Amino acid sequence: MLKLSGEILAGSKGFGFDDAVIDDLTDELIAVKRLGYSIAIVFGGGNIFRGGSWKNQNLNRVTLDSIGMLATIQNALYLAEILESKGYGARVFSSFALDKVVELYSPAKARAALEEGQICFLAGGTGNPFFTTDTAAVLRACELGLDLVLKGTKVDGLYSADPKTDPSATFIQSASYQECIERKLGVMDMTAFSLAQDNNIPIKIFNINLKGSLEQALLRAETGTYIHP
């Protein structure tokens, strides 16, 4: 399972799609697919809409979260089309019904698509407001029996403190779930983290902005931070 924020797709623009970034990302997905891995992907939608940071907090949170979930479907559809144009099969599943646009997700259908060799995008979050796409990624990994959750970020992994503000911050290559809790390391939101912990699914955090980093995160122990039971 690969979890990426929507902001990754925007590149330096900060909004929408950066086609150069998307071209590189889809090439990396293809490279990993060629190694024989099954790949499921969950995107955030922050490159299009971020309900949690919307300036008018008096608006209905359920509606705002629904708009954000729709944004994740747009991201998935676009990336799937790019992959198809490069000759690699991709399927998009939505957590809620949009019959004319995308298939409705079920674990059985997504599992079958992965077994067929499709790169699968699992969009729409959990289908419910108040849950993050991090939680959606871990939930789908549990449902599909996946071996690892990869979280691509803008930094190399976890640090003891924020390296931007604390020059003494040290890189953490490996940590147990319990160590993350005791040291208050921000791996994911607590709902997602607890779900991974309860189901013994390891998490690896790495810098998706570095070329070739997705493959390296899978193949090299020293790339990124590995969170384990």
Protein backbone atom coordinates (compact mmCIF):
# COMPACT_ATOMS: atom_id res chain seq x y z
CA MET A 1 0.00 0.00 0.00
CA LEU A 2 1.35 3.38 -1.05
CA LYS A 3 -0.10 6.43 0.69
CA LEU A 4 0.59 9.82 -0.88
CA SER A 5 -0.72 13.27 -0.10
CA GLY A 6 -2.47 15.16 -2.84
CA GLU A 7 0.06 17.97 -2.43
CA ILE A 8 2.74 15.69 -3.89
CA LEU A 9 0.91 15.80 -7.23
CA ALA A 10 0.91 19.60 -7.27
CA GLY A 11 4.70 19.86 -7.09
CA SER A 12 5.99 23.39 -6.60
CA LYS A 13 2.68 24.83 -7.87
CA GLY A 14 0.93 23.94 -4.61
CA PHE A 15 -2.37 23.38 -6.41
CA GLY A 16 -3.68 21.09 -9.13
CA PHE A 17 -1.36 18.85 -11.11
CA ASP A 18 2.32 19.17 -11.99
CA ASP A 19 2.64 16.97 -15.06
CA ALA A 20 6.41 16.58 -14.69
CA VAL A 21 5.94 15.27 -11.14
CA ILE A 22 3.17 12.93 -12.27
CA ASP A 23 5.27 11.65 -15.17
CA ASP A 24 8.12 10.79 -12.76
CA LEU A 25 5.74 9.24 -10.21
CA THR A 26 4.02 6.99 -12.74
CA ASP A 27 7.44 5.90 -14.05
CA GLU A 28 8.38 4.94 -10.49
CA LEU A 29 5.17 2.96 -10.07
CA ILE A 30 5.92 1.12 -13.31
CA ALA A 31 9.48 0.36 -12.14
CA VAL A 32 8.16 -1.18 -8.92
CA LYS A 33 5.51 -3.11 -10.83
CA ARG A 34 8.24 -4.56 -13.05
CA LEU A 35 9.93 -5.90 -9.92
CA GLY A 36 6.85 -8.04 -9.33
CA TYR A 37 5.13 -6.11 -6.56
CA SER A 38 1.37 -5.69 -6.29
CA ILE A 39 0.57 -2.02 -5.75
CA ALA A 40 -2.46 -0.35 -4.19
CA ILE A 41 -2.48 3.43 -3.82
CA VAL A 42 -4.43 5.86 -1.66
CA PHE A 43 -4.18 9.59 -2.37
CA GLY A 44 -5.15 12.57 -0.31
CA GLY A 45 -6.95 15.42 -2.03
CA GLY A 46 -5.13 18.46 -0.70
CA ASN A 47 -3.90 19.59 -4.12
CA ILE A 48 -7.54 20.30 -4.98
CA PHE A 49 -9.32 20.90 -1.68
CA ARG A 50 -8.40 20.79 2.00
CA GLY A 51 -11.53 20.90 4.12
CA GLY A 52 -9.63 20.85 7.42
CA SER A 53 -7.89 24.15 6.64
CA TRP A 54 -10.86 25.89 5.01
CA LYS A 55 -11.00 29.47 6.29
CA ASN A 56 -14.69 29.37 7.17
CA GLN A 57 -14.82 26.76 9.91
CA ASN A 58 -18.54 27.45 10.38
CA LEU A 59 -19.29 25.46 7.24
CA ASN A 60 -20.56 21.91 7.60
CA ARG A 61 -17.61 19.55 8.23
CA VAL A 62 -19.45 16.62 6.66
CA THR A 63 -19.88 18.56 3.41
CA LEU A 64 -16.27 19.76 3.42
CA ASP A 65 -14.96 16.23 3.97
CA SER A 66 -17.17 14.97 1.16
CA ILE A 67 -15.64 17.54 -1.20
CA GLY A 68 -12.19 16.36 -0.11
CA MET A 69 -13.14 12.73 -0.79
CA LEU A 70 -14.27 13.69 -4.29
CA ALA A 71 -10.89 15.34 -4.83
CA THR A 72 -9.13 12.04 -4.09
CA ILE A 73 -11.18 10.39 -6.84
CA GLN A 74 -10.08 13.05 -9.33
CA ASN A 75 -6.45 12.37 -8.41
CA ALA A 76 -6.85 8.62 -8.79
CA LEU A 77 -8.61 8.86 -12.16
CA TYR A 78 -5.93 11.13 -13.56
CA LEU A 79 -3.01 8.95 -12.44
CA ALA A 80 -4.75 5.82 -13.70
CA GLU A 81 -5.18 7.40 -17.14
CA ILE A 82 -1.50 8.33 -17.26
CA LEU A 83 -0.53 4.75 -16.40
CA GLU A 84 -2.89 3.37 -19.05
CA SER A 85 -1.31 5.70 -21.63
CA LYS A 86 2.07 4.18 -20.71
CA GLY A 87 0.77 0.66 -21.28
CA TYR A 88 0.15 -0.39 -17.67
CA GLY A 89 -3.27 -1.51 -16.49
CA ALA A 90 -4.80 0.53 -13.68
CA ARG A 91 -8.15 0.35 -11.90
CA VAL A 92 -9.84 2.96 -9.76
CA PHE A 93 -12.24 2.01 -6.99
CA SER A 94 -14.33 4.45 -4.98
CA SER A 95 -15.49 3.96 -1.40
CA PHE A 96 -18.90 5.39 -2.38
CA ALA A 97 -21.06 5.04 -5.48
CA LEU A 98 -20.36 7.20 -8.55
CA ASP A 99 -21.68 4.76 -11.12
CA LYS A 100 -20.92 6.71 -14.30
CA VAL A 101 -17.40 7.63 -13.23
CA VAL A 102 -15.74 4.89 -11.17
CA GLU A 103 -16.24 1.38 -9.81
CA LEU A 104 -17.52 0.88 -6.28
CA TYR A 105 -14.86 -0.57 -3.99
CA SER A 106 -15.11 -3.96 -2.40
CA PRO A 107 -12.21 -5.98 -0.96
CA ALA A 108 -13.01 -8.90 -3.26
CA LYS A 109 -12.96 -6.78 -6.43
CA ALA A 110 -9.80 -4.93 -5.46
CA ARG A 111 -8.04 -8.17 -4.48
CA ALA A 112 -8.99 -9.74 -7.82
CA ALA A 113 -7.68 -6.70 -9.71
CA LEU A 114 -4.37 -6.86 -7.84
CA GLU A 115 -4.07 -10.57 -8.62
CA GLU A 116 -4.66 -9.75 -12.30
CA GLY A 117 -1.65 -7.42 -12.18
CA GLN A 118 -3.57 -4.13 -12.14
CA ILE A 119 -2.23 -1.11 -10.27
CA CYS A 120 -5.17 -0.24 -8.02
CA PHE A 121 -6.20 3.21 -6.81
CA LEU A 122 -8.50 3.08 -3.78
CA ALA A 123 -10.16 6.47 -3.73
CA GLY A 124 -12.78 8.32 -1.72
CA GLY A 125 -11.07 7.87 1.64
CA THR A 126 -13.02 5.59 3.95
CA GLY A 127 -16.24 6.97 2.49
CA ASN A 128 -17.00 8.68 5.79
CA PRO A 129 -16.30 12.17 7.13
CA PHE A 130 -13.93 12.74 10.08
CA PHE A 131 -11.47 10.05 8.91
CA THR A 132 -8.18 10.86 7.19
CA THR A 133 -6.81 9.25 4.05
CA ASP A 134 -4.02 7.83 6.26
CA THR A 135 -6.72 5.85 8.04
CA ALA A 136 -8.19 4.84 4.67
CA ALA A 137 -4.80 3.54 3.53
CA VAL A 138 -4.28 1.40 6.62
CA LEU A 139 -7.88 0.18 6.56
CA ARG A 140 -7.58 -0.97 2.94
CA ALA A 141 -4.23 -2.60 3.68
CA CYS A 142 -5.93 -4.58 6.46
CA GLU A 143 -8.87 -5.56 4.26
CA LEU A 144 -6.64 -6.68 1.39
CA GLY A 145 -4.04 -8.45 3.51
CA LEU A 146 -1.19 -6.27 2.25
CA ASP A 147 2.30 -6.63 3.72
CA LEU A 148 3.42 -3.03 4.12
CA VAL A 149 2.14 0.55 4.15
CA LEU A 150 4.54 2.99 2.46
CA LYS A 151 3.92 6.63 3.30
CA GLY A 152 5.58 8.99 0.83
CA THR A 153 6.32 12.41 2.33
CA LYS A 154 8.48 15.47 1.66
CA VAL A 155 11.11 14.43 4.23
CA ASP A 156 13.45 11.44 4.52
CA GLY A 157 11.54 9.83 7.39
CA LEU A 158 11.04 10.40 11.11
CA TYR A 159 13.26 12.59 13.25
CA SER A 160 13.55 13.00 17.00
CA ALA A 161 12.27 16.57 16.53
CA ASP A 162 11.46 18.92 13.68
CA PRO A 163 14.80 19.27 11.79
CA LYS A 164 13.67 22.63 10.40
CA THR A 165 13.54 24.16 13.87
CA ASP A 166 15.84 21.92 15.92
CA PRO A 167 19.41 21.53 14.55
CA SER A 168 20.04 18.72 17.05
CA ALA A 169 17.23 16.56 15.63
CA THR A 170 18.42 13.07 14.72
CA PHE A 171 17.12 10.75 12.02
CA ILE A 172 15.31 7.63 13.23
CA GLN A 173 15.83 4.64 10.95
CA SER A 174 13.68 2.14 12.82
CA ALA A 175 11.20 2.22 15.70
CA SER A 176 8.57 -0.01 17.22
CA TYR A 177 4.95 1.08 17.60
CA GLN A 178 5.52 1.40 21.34
CA GLU A 179 8.61 3.58 20.86
CA CYS A 180 6.60 5.88 18.58
CA ILE A 181 3.96 6.29 21.28
CA GLU A 182 6.48 6.84 24.10
CA ARG A 183 8.54 9.35 22.09
CA LYS A 184 5.43 11.01 20.60
CA LEU A 185 6.68 10.54 17.05
CA GLY A 186 4.15 11.74 14.49
CA VAL A 187 3.92 8.73 12.20
CA MET A 188 0.26 9.13 11.21
CA ASP A 189 -2.91 10.28 12.91
CA MET A 190 -3.70 8.09 15.92
CA THR A 191 -6.65 6.31 14.32
CA ALA A 192 -4.49 5.14 11.42
CA PHE A 193 -1.55 4.35 13.69
CA SER A 194 -3.67 2.33 16.13
CA LEU A 195 -5.24 0.35 13.29
CA ALA A 196 -1.79 -0.54 11.92
CA GLN A 197 -0.58 -1.47 15.40
CA ASP A 198 -3.62 -3.67 16.12
CA ASN A 199 -3.15 -5.53 12.84
CA ASN A 200 0.67 -5.76 12.94
CA ILE A 201 1.11 -3.94 9.64
CA PRO A 202 4.53 -2.29 9.35
CA ILE A 203 4.81 1.26 8.02
CA LYS A 204 7.71 2.80 6.13
CA ILE A 205 8.02 6.56 5.80
CA PHE A 206 10.24 7.92 3.02
CA ASN A 207 10.84 10.96 0.82
CA ILE A 208 8.82 10.48 -2.37
CA ASN A 209 10.37 13.62 -3.90
CA LEU A 210 13.74 11.92 -4.39
CA LYS A 211 14.01 10.20 -7.76
CA GLY A 212 13.91 6.41 -7.44
CA SER A 213 12.97 6.60 -3.76
CA LEU A 214 9.90 4.35 -4.04
CA GLU A 215 11.97 1.43 -5.29
CA GLN A 216 14.71 2.18 -2.76
CA ALA A 217 12.20 2.28 0.10
CA LEU A 218 11.16 -1.26 -0.80
CA LEU A 219 14.62 -2.68 -1.42
CA ARG A 220 16.94 -0.87 1.02
CA ALA A 221 16.59 -0.99 4.79
CA GLU A 222 18.52 2.26 5.19
CA THR A 223 16.04 4.25 3.07
CA GLY A 224 13.33 5.90 5.15
CA THR A 225 12.05 5.03 8.61
CA TYR A 226 10.64 1.57 9.32
CA ILE A 227 7.86 1.32 11.94
CA HIS A 228 7.28 -2.22 13.11
CA PRO A 229 5.50 -4.29 15.82
